[in-house]
Amino acid sequence: MPQGLRRAVMGLPVIVPIRDHNWNDVKQVEKFGANHAVDTATDPEDCWSQGGTYTFLAAAATLYVSSDSAADTAKSINVQGLDANWNLQTKSVTLTGQTQAVIGGTWLRVFRAYNESATTLAGNVYIAETDTLTTGTPQTASKIKAKIDLGDGQTMMAIYTVPNGYTAYMFRWYTTLAISRASYAVVQIKKRLSGGVFRTTREVGLTGAGNSIYQELLNIAIPYPAKTDLKITILEVGANDMNIDGGFDLLLVADA
């Protein structure tokens, strides 16, 4: 094995370059998402609950949380992402029904949110920039940064940004056609380095009449530097209301 490479014991023979450091600075990140209704007229779409193409924030912004149910009050939502300096940030915010409640701090990215209260959510929950609401739902799609679908209890978004001070190593990714039918889907992994544009790094096809799941185990993990945006995109589908799932597993290693 080349000098500077080590085999990480995580149930898979993953090889990543590591240095002598505190293993408390190594984190496993599991990203998973779903888009339940991709149509031929709207593809490409990204793999997240809201559907459509995800709009990343261009500058740090204040974000808010709201539900489309007035019954969602006094329930705590945990929000995870990156602050104005691209550092990891986690905040808890209490829902105030169909009105927007401000989330502390400012945000460059949001990549996970979940219900951390003891009571099940009564509606869909949105994390978004300030916007006009209709019964709690933001009306500008590009301002929505995360969504918790009713029944899920947390976001389903195969979207992630590598935080400042870390390199992320991808050791597995997968995608599935959740509803079997005589059609197809083309699914991609895309990356965007800081200051760059999105590039396709993987592309696979799924068929409803045959193989409806694809998984790739990467023995030599693929590195992504800090501030890299990653996402799964459904490039094309052959029928309406296609339900596509996908995700990727990362090993987040602190830089020297």
C-alpha atoms as a PDB file:
ATOM      1  CA  MET A   1       0.000   0.000   0.000  1.00  0.00           C
ATOM      2  CA  PRO A   2       1.523   3.407  -0.928  1.00  0.00           C
ATOM      3  CA  GLN A   3       2.960   5.524   1.866  1.00  0.00           C
ATOM      4  CA  GLY A   4       0.367   7.875   3.336  1.00  0.00           C
ATOM      5  CA  LEU A   5      -2.573   5.585   2.613  1.00  0.00           C
ATOM      6  CA  ARG A   6      -4.451   3.707   5.305  1.00  0.00           C
ATOM      7  CA  ARG A   7      -7.398   1.341   5.241  1.00  0.00           C
ATOM      8  CA  ALA A   8     -10.351   2.669   7.247  1.00  0.00           C
ATOM      9  CA  VAL A   9     -12.358   0.009   9.055  1.00  0.00           C
ATOM     10  CA  MET A  10     -15.986   0.875   8.310  1.00  0.00           C
ATOM     11  CA  GLY A  11     -17.368  -2.410   7.033  1.00  0.00           C
ATOM     12  CA  LEU A  12     -15.973  -1.618   3.576  1.00  0.00           C
ATOM     13  CA  PRO A  13     -12.374  -1.765   2.300  1.00  0.00           C
ATOM     14  CA  VAL A  14     -12.171   1.991   1.939  1.00  0.00           C
ATOM     15  CA  ILE A  15      -8.744   3.494   1.349  1.00  0.00           C
ATOM     16  CA  VAL A  16      -8.214   7.152   2.203  1.00  0.00           C
ATOM     17  CA  PRO A  17      -5.079   9.226   2.790  1.00  0.00           C
ATOM     18  CA  ILE A  18      -4.770  10.179   6.452  1.00  0.00           C
ATOM     19  CA  ARG A  19      -2.223  11.822   8.693  1.00  0.00           C
ATOM     20  CA  ASP A  20      -1.433  11.467  12.352  1.00  0.00           C
ATOM     21  CA  HIS A  21      -4.307  13.286  13.976  1.00  0.00           C
ATOM     22  CA  ASN A  22      -7.049  12.883  16.529  1.00  0.00           C
ATOM     23  CA  TRP A  23      -9.684  10.503  15.197  1.00  0.00           C
ATOM     24  CA  ASN A  24     -12.280  12.669  16.872  1.00  0.00           C
ATOM     25  CA  ASP A  25     -11.791  14.852  13.796  1.00  0.00           C
ATOM     26  CA  VAL A  26     -13.110  12.128  11.496  1.00  0.00           C
ATOM     27  CA  LYS A  27     -16.864  11.995  10.902  1.00  0.00           C
ATOM     28  CA  GLN A  28     -19.096   9.736   8.853  1.00  0.00           C
ATOM     29  CA  VAL A  29     -21.720  11.573   6.801  1.00  0.00           C
ATOM     30  CA  GLU A  30     -24.698   9.719   5.353  1.00  0.00           C
ATOM     31  CA  LYS A  31     -26.659  11.683   2.778  1.00  0.00           C
ATOM     32  CA  PHE A  32     -29.888  10.357   1.303  1.00  0.00           C
ATOM     33  CA  GLY A  33     -32.721  11.902  -0.635  1.00  0.00           C
ATOM     34  CA  ALA A  34     -35.813  11.322  -2.701  1.00  0.00           C
ATOM     35  CA  ASN A  35     -37.777  13.054  -5.428  1.00  0.00           C
ATOM     36  CA  HIS A  36     -41.213  11.476  -5.618  1.00  0.00           C
ATOM     37  CA  ALA A  37     -42.560  13.076  -8.777  1.00  0.00           C
ATOM     38  CA  VAL A  38     -40.069  13.748 -11.571  1.00  0.00           C
ATOM     39  CA  ASP A  39     -41.806  14.509 -14.870  1.00  0.00           C
ATOM     40  CA  THR A  40     -40.576  14.460 -18.442  1.00  0.00           C
ATOM     41  CA  ALA A  41     -41.440  18.150 -18.812  1.00  0.00           C
ATOM     42  CA  THR A  42     -39.513  19.232 -15.699  1.00  0.00           C
ATOM     43  CA  ASP A  43     -36.322  17.158 -15.818  1.00  0.00           C
ATOM     44  CA  PRO A  44     -33.555  17.600 -14.876  1.00  0.00           C
ATOM     45  CA  GLU A  45     -34.446  17.767 -11.178  1.00  0.00           C
ATOM     46  CA  ASP A  46     -32.347  17.252  -8.071  1.00  0.00           C
ATOM     47  CA  CYS A  47     -32.873  14.444  -5.573  1.00  0.00           C
ATOM     48  CA  TRP A  48     -34.628  16.219  -2.706  1.00  0.00           C
ATOM     49  CA  SER A  49     -38.130  16.360  -1.222  1.00  0.00           C
ATOM     50  CA  GLN A  50     -39.109  19.743  -2.652  1.00  0.00           C
ATOM     51  CA  GLY A  51     -38.335  18.689  -6.213  1.00  0.00           C
ATOM     52  CA  GLY A  52     -37.038  20.856  -9.026  1.00  0.00           C
ATOM     53  CA  THR A  53     -33.501  22.210  -9.237  1.00  0.00           C
ATOM     54  CA  TYR A  54     -31.955  23.133  -5.898  1.00  0.00           C
ATOM     55  CA  THR A  55     -30.858  26.785  -5.577  1.00  0.00           C
ATOM     56  CA  PHE A  56     -27.732  27.253  -3.458  1.00  0.00           C
ATOM     57  CA  LEU A  57     -27.307  30.466  -1.501  1.00  0.00           C
ATOM     58  CA  ALA A  58     -24.845  32.900  -3.094  1.00  0.00           C
ATOM     59  CA  ALA A  59     -24.212  34.720   0.206  1.00  0.00           C
ATOM     60  CA  ALA A  60     -24.910  34.101   3.870  1.00  0.00           C
ATOM     61  CA  ALA A  61     -28.551  34.763   4.736  1.00  0.00           C
ATOM     62  CA  THR A  62     -31.000  34.594   7.593  1.00  0.00           C
ATOM     63  CA  LEU A  63     -33.279  31.568   7.272  1.00  0.00           C
ATOM     64  CA  TYR A  64     -36.683  30.732   8.710  1.00  0.00           C
ATOM     65  CA  VAL A  65     -38.772  27.658   9.437  1.00  0.00           C
ATOM     66  CA  SER A  66     -42.538  27.264   8.912  1.00  0.00           C
ATOM     67  CA  SER A  67     -45.120  24.487   8.632  1.00  0.00           C
ATOM     68  CA  ASP A  68     -48.156  24.217   6.400  1.00  0.00           C
ATOM     69  CA  SER A  69     -50.117  23.063   9.473  1.00  0.00           C
ATOM     70  CA  ALA A  70     -51.261  25.494  12.173  1.00  0.00           C
ATOM     71  CA  ALA A  71     -50.976  22.577  14.625  1.00  0.00           C
ATOM     72  CA  ASP A  72     -47.184  22.578  14.400  1.00  0.00           C
ATOM     73  CA  THR A  73     -46.357  24.787  17.369  1.00  0.00           C
ATOM     74  CA  ALA A  74     -43.929  24.267  20.243  1.00  0.00           C
ATOM     75  CA  LYS A  75     -42.120  21.572  18.223  1.00  0.00           C
ATOM     76  CA  SER A  76     -38.348  21.820  17.902  1.00  0.00           C
ATOM     77  CA  ILE A  77     -36.567  21.493  14.554  1.00  0.00           C
ATOM     78  CA  ASN A  78     -32.814  20.816  14.449  1.00  0.00           C
ATOM     79  CA  VAL A  79     -31.180  22.521  11.449  1.00  0.00           C
ATOM     80  CA  GLN A  80     -27.681  21.620  10.217  1.00  0.00           C
ATOM     81  CA  GLY A  81     -25.504  23.337   7.641  1.00  0.00           C
ATOM     82  CA  LEU A  82     -22.722  25.885   7.226  1.00  0.00           C
ATOM     83  CA  ASP A  83     -22.364  29.383   8.643  1.00  0.00           C
ATOM     84  CA  ALA A  84     -21.063  32.517   6.897  1.00  0.00           C
ATOM     85  CA  ASN A  85     -17.477  31.186   7.180  1.00  0.00           C
ATOM     86  CA  TRP A  86     -18.331  27.736   5.749  1.00  0.00           C
ATOM     87  CA  ASN A  87     -18.014  26.180   9.203  1.00  0.00           C
ATOM     88  CA  LEU A  88     -20.374  23.481  10.485  1.00  0.00           C
ATOM     89  CA  GLN A  89     -23.373  24.947  12.278  1.00  0.00           C
ATOM     90  CA  THR A  90     -26.323  23.401  14.130  1.00  0.00           C
ATOM     91  CA  LYS A  91     -29.275  25.324  15.546  1.00  0.00           C
ATOM     92  CA  SER A  92     -32.607  24.386  17.109  1.00  0.00           C
ATOM     93  CA  VAL A  93     -35.710  26.452  16.428  1.00  0.00           C
ATOM     94  CA  THR A  94     -39.277  26.185  17.710  1.00  0.00           C
ATOM     95  CA  LEU A  95     -42.056  26.039  15.125  1.00  0.00           C
ATOM     96  CA  THR A  96     -44.752  28.701  15.268  1.00  0.00           C
ATOM     97  CA  GLY A  97     -47.266  27.019  12.973  1.00  0.00           C
ATOM     98  CA  GLN A  98     -47.812  28.646   9.597  1.00  0.00           C
ATOM     99  CA  THR A  99     -45.700  31.729  10.334  1.00  0.00           C
ATOM    100  CA  GLN A 100     -41.963  31.868   9.760  1.00  0.00           C
ATOM    101  CA  ALA A 101     -39.784  31.514  12.883  1.00  0.00           C
ATOM    102  CA  VAL A 102     -36.241  32.803  12.539  1.00  0.00           C
ATOM    103  CA  ILE A 103     -33.365  30.348  12.807  1.00  0.00           C
ATOM    104  CA  GLY A 104     -30.354  31.677  14.727  1.00  0.00           C
ATOM    105  CA  GLY A 105     -27.213  32.771  12.894  1.00  0.00           C
ATOM    106  CA  THR A 106     -26.741  33.226   9.176  1.00  0.00           C
ATOM    107  CA  TRP A 107     -26.400  30.404   6.694  1.00  0.00           C
ATOM    108  CA  LEU A 108     -24.506  29.647   3.499  1.00  0.00           C
ATOM    109  CA  ARG A 109     -25.798  26.086   3.297  1.00  0.00           C
ATOM    110  CA  VAL A 110     -28.450  23.844   4.856  1.00  0.00           C
ATOM    111  CA  PHE A 111     -28.135  20.117   4.256  1.00  0.00           C
ATOM    112  CA  ARG A 112     -30.217  18.492   7.005  1.00  0.00           C
ATOM    113  CA  ALA A 113     -33.119  19.253   9.343  1.00  0.00           C
ATOM    114  CA  TYR A 114     -35.170  16.970  11.562  1.00  0.00           C
ATOM    115  CA  ASN A 115     -37.898  16.960  14.194  1.00  0.00           C
ATOM    116  CA  GLU A 116     -36.188  16.636  17.576  1.00  0.00           C
ATOM    117  CA  SER A 117     -39.349  16.989  19.673  1.00  0.00           C
ATOM    118  CA  ALA A 118     -41.427  14.198  21.205  1.00  0.00           C
ATOM    119  CA  THR A 119     -44.468  15.032  19.060  1.00  0.00           C
ATOM    120  CA  THR A 120     -44.953  14.010  15.417  1.00  0.00           C
ATOM    121  CA  LEU A 121     -45.195  16.829  12.896  1.00  0.00           C
ATOM    122  CA  ALA A 122     -48.690  17.593  11.601  1.00  0.00           C
ATOM    123  CA  GLY A 123     -47.615  19.139   8.307  1.00  0.00           C
ATOM    124  CA  ASN A 124     -44.799  19.703   5.841  1.00  0.00           C
ATOM    125  CA  VAL A 125     -42.002  21.878   7.227  1.00  0.00           C
ATOM    126  CA  TYR A 126     -39.982  24.367   5.160  1.00  0.00           C
ATOM    127  CA  ILE A 127     -36.590  25.982   5.779  1.00  0.00           C
ATOM    128  CA  ALA A 128     -36.429  29.052   3.569  1.00  0.00           C
ATOM    129  CA  GLU A 129     -35.454  32.666   3.139  1.00  0.00           C
ATOM    130  CA  THR A 130     -38.058  35.247   4.113  1.00  0.00           C
ATOM    131  CA  ASP A 131     -40.932  35.006   1.629  1.00  0.00           C
ATOM    132  CA  THR A 132     -44.645  35.393   1.057  1.00  0.00           C
ATOM    133  CA  LEU A 133     -46.410  32.405   2.599  1.00  0.00           C
ATOM    134  CA  THR A 134     -49.638  30.654   1.671  1.00  0.00           C
ATOM    135  CA  THR A 135     -50.788  28.620   4.676  1.00  0.00           C
ATOM    136  CA  GLY A 136     -47.176  28.343   5.775  1.00  0.00           C
ATOM    137  CA  THR A 137     -45.720  27.390   2.383  1.00  0.00           C
ATOM    138  CA  PRO A 138     -43.114  29.747   0.824  1.00  0.00           C
ATOM    139  CA  GLN A 139     -44.288  30.839  -2.613  1.00  0.00           C
ATOM    140  CA  THR A 140     -40.855  31.333  -4.212  1.00  0.00           C
ATOM    141  CA  ALA A 141     -39.403  27.905  -4.984  1.00  0.00           C
ATOM    142  CA  SER A 142     -35.810  29.160  -5.242  1.00  0.00           C
ATOM    143  CA  LYS A 143     -35.969  30.456  -1.647  1.00  0.00           C
ATOM    144  CA  ILE A 144     -36.679  27.011  -0.181  1.00  0.00           C
ATOM    145  CA  LYS A 145     -33.459  25.447   1.147  1.00  0.00           C
ATOM    146  CA  ALA A 146     -34.816  22.286   2.771  1.00  0.00           C
ATOM    147  CA  LYS A 147     -38.135  20.526   3.300  1.00  0.00           C
ATOM    148  CA  ILE A 148     -39.376  17.905   5.756  1.00  0.00           C
ATOM    149  CA  ASP A 149     -42.180  15.968   4.102  1.00  0.00           C
ATOM    150  CA  LEU A 150     -45.104  14.924   6.285  1.00  0.00           C
ATOM    151  CA  GLY A 151     -44.352  11.483   7.698  1.00  0.00           C
ATOM    152  CA  ASP A 152     -40.583  11.586   7.171  1.00  0.00           C
ATOM    153  CA  GLY A 153     -39.598  13.475  10.316  1.00  0.00           C
ATOM    154  CA  GLN A 154     -36.497  14.833   8.598  1.00  0.00           C
ATOM    155  CA  THR A 155     -35.236  16.143   5.292  1.00  0.00           C
ATOM    156  CA  MET A 156     -34.611  13.802   2.379  1.00  0.00           C
ATOM    157  CA  MET A 157     -31.968  15.590   0.322  1.00  0.00           C
ATOM    158  CA  ALA A 158     -29.000  14.062  -1.483  1.00  0.00           C
ATOM    159  CA  ILE A 159     -27.251  17.430  -1.337  1.00  0.00           C
ATOM    160  CA  TYR A 160     -24.177  18.342   0.714  1.00  0.00           C
ATOM    161  CA  THR A 161     -21.384  20.895   0.951  1.00  0.00           C
ATOM    162  CA  VAL A 162     -17.981  20.040   2.436  1.00  0.00           C
ATOM    163  CA  PRO A 163     -17.324  22.297   5.447  1.00  0.00           C
ATOM    164  CA  ASN A 164     -14.315  24.533   5.921  1.00  0.00           C
ATOM    165  CA  GLY A 165     -11.267  22.699   7.306  1.00  0.00           C
ATOM    166  CA  TYR A 166     -12.265  19.264   6.015  1.00  0.00           C
ATOM    167  CA  THR A 167     -11.852  16.991   3.022  1.00  0.00           C
ATOM    168  CA  ALA A 168     -14.723  14.611   2.259  1.00  0.00           C
ATOM    169  CA  TYR A 169     -14.023  11.133   0.860  1.00  0.00           C
ATOM    170  CA  MET A 170     -16.900   9.426  -0.937  1.00  0.00           C
ATOM    171  CA  PHE A 171     -16.824   5.649  -0.447  1.00  0.00           C
ATOM    172  CA  ARG A 172     -20.315   4.689  -1.639  1.00  0.00           C
ATOM    173  CA  TRP A 173     -23.195   6.064  -3.642  1.00  0.00           C
ATOM    174  CA  TYR A 174     -26.453   4.594  -4.877  1.00  0.00           C
ATOM    175  CA  THR A 175     -29.656   5.395  -6.693  1.00  0.00           C
ATOM    176  CA  THR A 176     -32.933   3.534  -7.091  1.00  0.00           C
ATOM    177  CA  LEU A 177     -36.076   3.661  -9.187  1.00  0.00           C
ATOM    178  CA  ALA A 178     -38.585   3.316  -6.374  1.00  0.00           C
ATOM    179  CA  ILE A 179     -41.629   2.500  -8.514  1.00  0.00           C
ATOM    180  CA  SER A 180     -41.222  -0.299 -11.017  1.00  0.00           C
ATOM    181  CA  ARG A 181     -42.664   0.511 -14.416  1.00  0.00           C
ATOM    182  CA  ALA A 182     -41.699   0.053 -18.044  1.00  0.00           C
ATOM    183  CA  SER A 183     -39.667   3.248 -18.181  1.00  0.00           C
ATOM    184  CA  TYR A 184     -36.222   4.587 -17.302  1.00  0.00           C
ATOM    185  CA  ALA A 185     -34.251   7.272 -15.490  1.00  0.00           C
ATOM    186  CA  VAL A 186     -30.771   8.715 -15.968  1.00  0.00           C
ATOM    187  CA  VAL A 187     -29.130   9.768 -12.709  1.00  0.00           C
ATOM    188  CA  GLN A 188     -25.923  11.731 -12.127  1.00  0.00           C
ATOM    189  CA  ILE A 189     -23.588  12.787  -9.347  1.00  0.00           C
ATOM    190  CA  LYS A 190     -22.507  16.390  -9.768  1.00  0.00           C
ATOM    191  CA  LYS A 191     -19.791  18.354  -7.997  1.00  0.00           C
ATOM    192  CA  ARG A 192     -18.929  22.038  -7.912  1.00  0.00           C
ATOM    193  CA  LEU A 193     -15.581  23.182  -6.549  1.00  0.00           C
ATOM    194  CA  SER A 194     -15.436  26.560  -4.839  1.00  0.00           C
ATOM    195  CA  GLY A 195     -15.672  29.291  -7.472  1.00  0.00           C
ATOM    196  CA  GLY A 196     -16.501  26.793 -10.237  1.00  0.00           C
ATOM    197  CA  VAL A 197     -19.505  25.305 -11.975  1.00  0.00           C
ATOM    198  CA  PHE A 198     -21.237  21.958 -11.580  1.00  0.00           C
ATOM    199  CA  ARG A 199     -19.614  19.030 -13.374  1.00  0.00           C
ATOM    200  CA  THR A 200     -20.946  15.520 -13.830  1.00  0.00           C
ATOM    201  CA  THR A 201     -18.714  12.886 -12.204  1.00  0.00           C
ATOM    202  CA  ARG A 202     -20.944   9.795 -12.503  1.00  0.00           C
ATOM    203  CA  GLU A 203     -23.915   8.881 -14.715  1.00  0.00           C
ATOM    204  CA  VAL A 204     -26.007   5.717 -14.648  1.00  0.00           C
ATOM    205  CA  GLY A 205     -29.264   4.515 -16.144  1.00  0.00           C
ATOM    206  CA  LEU A 206     -32.107   2.762 -14.325  1.00  0.00           C
ATOM    207  CA  THR A 207     -34.879   0.755 -15.974  1.00  0.00           C
ATOM    208  CA  GLY A 208     -38.177  -0.097 -14.357  1.00  0.00           C
ATOM    209  CA  ALA A 209     -38.519  -3.374 -16.259  1.00  0.00           C
ATOM    210  CA  GLY A 210     -35.060  -4.609 -15.255  1.00  0.00           C
ATOM    211  CA  ASN A 211     -32.379  -3.332 -12.919  1.00  0.00           C
ATOM    212  CA  SER A 212     -33.968  -0.616 -10.750  1.00  0.00           C
ATOM    213  CA  ILE A 213     -31.071  -0.092  -8.319  1.00  0.00           C
ATOM    214  CA  TYR A 214     -27.469   0.919  -8.811  1.00  0.00           C
ATOM    215  CA  GLN A 215     -24.784   0.979  -6.125  1.00  0.00           C
ATOM    216  CA  GLU A 216     -21.065   1.734  -6.439  1.00  0.00           C
ATOM    217  CA  LEU A 217     -18.585   0.874  -3.685  1.00  0.00           C
ATOM    218  CA  LEU A 218     -15.405   2.900  -4.080  1.00  0.00           C
ATOM    219  CA  ASN A 219     -12.390   1.013  -2.700  1.00  0.00           C
ATOM    220  CA  ILE A 220     -10.241   4.088  -3.241  1.00  0.00           C
ATOM    221  CA  ALA A 221     -12.427   6.880  -1.950  1.00  0.00           C
ATOM    222  CA  ILE A 222     -12.875  10.014  -4.064  1.00  0.00           C
ATOM    223  CA  PRO A 223     -11.690  13.211  -2.296  1.00  0.00           C
ATOM    224  CA  TYR A 224     -13.608  16.492  -2.347  1.00  0.00           C
ATOM    225  CA  PRO A 225     -12.013  19.600  -0.799  1.00  0.00           C
ATOM    226  CA  ALA A 226     -13.668  22.135   1.490  1.00  0.00           C
ATOM    227  CA  LYS A 227     -16.533  24.193  -0.003  1.00  0.00           C
ATOM    228  CA  THR A 228     -17.310  21.580  -2.672  1.00  0.00           C
ATOM    229  CA  ASP A 229     -21.029  21.261  -3.410  1.00  0.00           C
ATOM    230  CA  LEU A 230     -22.261  17.712  -4.109  1.00  0.00           C
ATOM    231  CA  LYS A 231     -25.672  16.608  -5.319  1.00  0.00           C
ATOM    232  CA  ILE A 232     -27.529  13.820  -7.080  1.00  0.00           C
ATOM    233  CA  THR A 233     -29.448  14.961 -10.149  1.00  0.00           C
ATOM    234  CA  ILE A 234     -32.092  13.127 -12.149  1.00  0.00           C
ATOM    235  CA  LEU A 235     -31.084  14.125 -15.657  1.00  0.00           C
ATOM    236  CA  GLU A 236     -33.906  12.471 -17.560  1.00  0.00           C
ATOM    237  CA  VAL A 237     -36.945  10.237 -17.050  1.00  0.00           C
ATOM    238  CA  GLY A 238     -39.092   8.380 -19.544  1.00  0.00           C
ATOM    239  CA  ALA A 239     -42.466   8.870 -17.851  1.00  0.00           C
ATOM    240  CA  ASN A 240     -44.213  11.222 -15.441  1.00  0.00           C
ATOM    241  CA  ASP A 241     -44.365  10.872 -11.649  1.00  0.00           C
ATOM    242  CA  MET A 242     -41.116   8.916 -11.469  1.00  0.00           C
ATOM    243  CA  ASN A 243     -39.974   8.267  -7.889  1.00  0.00           C
ATOM    244  CA  ILE A 244     -36.162   8.388  -7.646  1.00  0.00           C
ATOM    245  CA  ASP A 245     -34.143   7.829  -4.470  1.00  0.00           C
ATOM    246  CA  GLY A 246     -30.410   8.259  -4.023  1.00  0.00           C
ATOM    247  CA  GLY A 247     -27.620   8.949  -1.593  1.00  0.00           C
ATOM    248  CA  PHE A 248     -23.909   8.875  -0.836  1.00  0.00           C
ATOM    249  CA  ASP A 249     -21.686   8.092   2.139  1.00  0.00           C
ATOM    250  CA  LEU A 250     -18.719  10.289   3.010  1.00  0.00           C
ATOM    251  CA  LEU A 251     -15.810  10.131   5.411  1.00  0.00           C
ATOM    252  CA  LEU A 252     -15.161  13.692   6.601  1.00  0.00           C
ATOM    253  CA  VAL A 253     -11.486  14.084   7.597  1.00  0.00           C
ATOM    254  CA  ALA A 254     -10.055  17.231   9.199  1.00  0.00           C
ATOM    255  CA  ASP A 255      -7.294  18.894   7.185  1.00  0.00           C
ATOM    256  CA  ALA A 256      -3.849  19.284   8.734  1.00  0.00           C
END
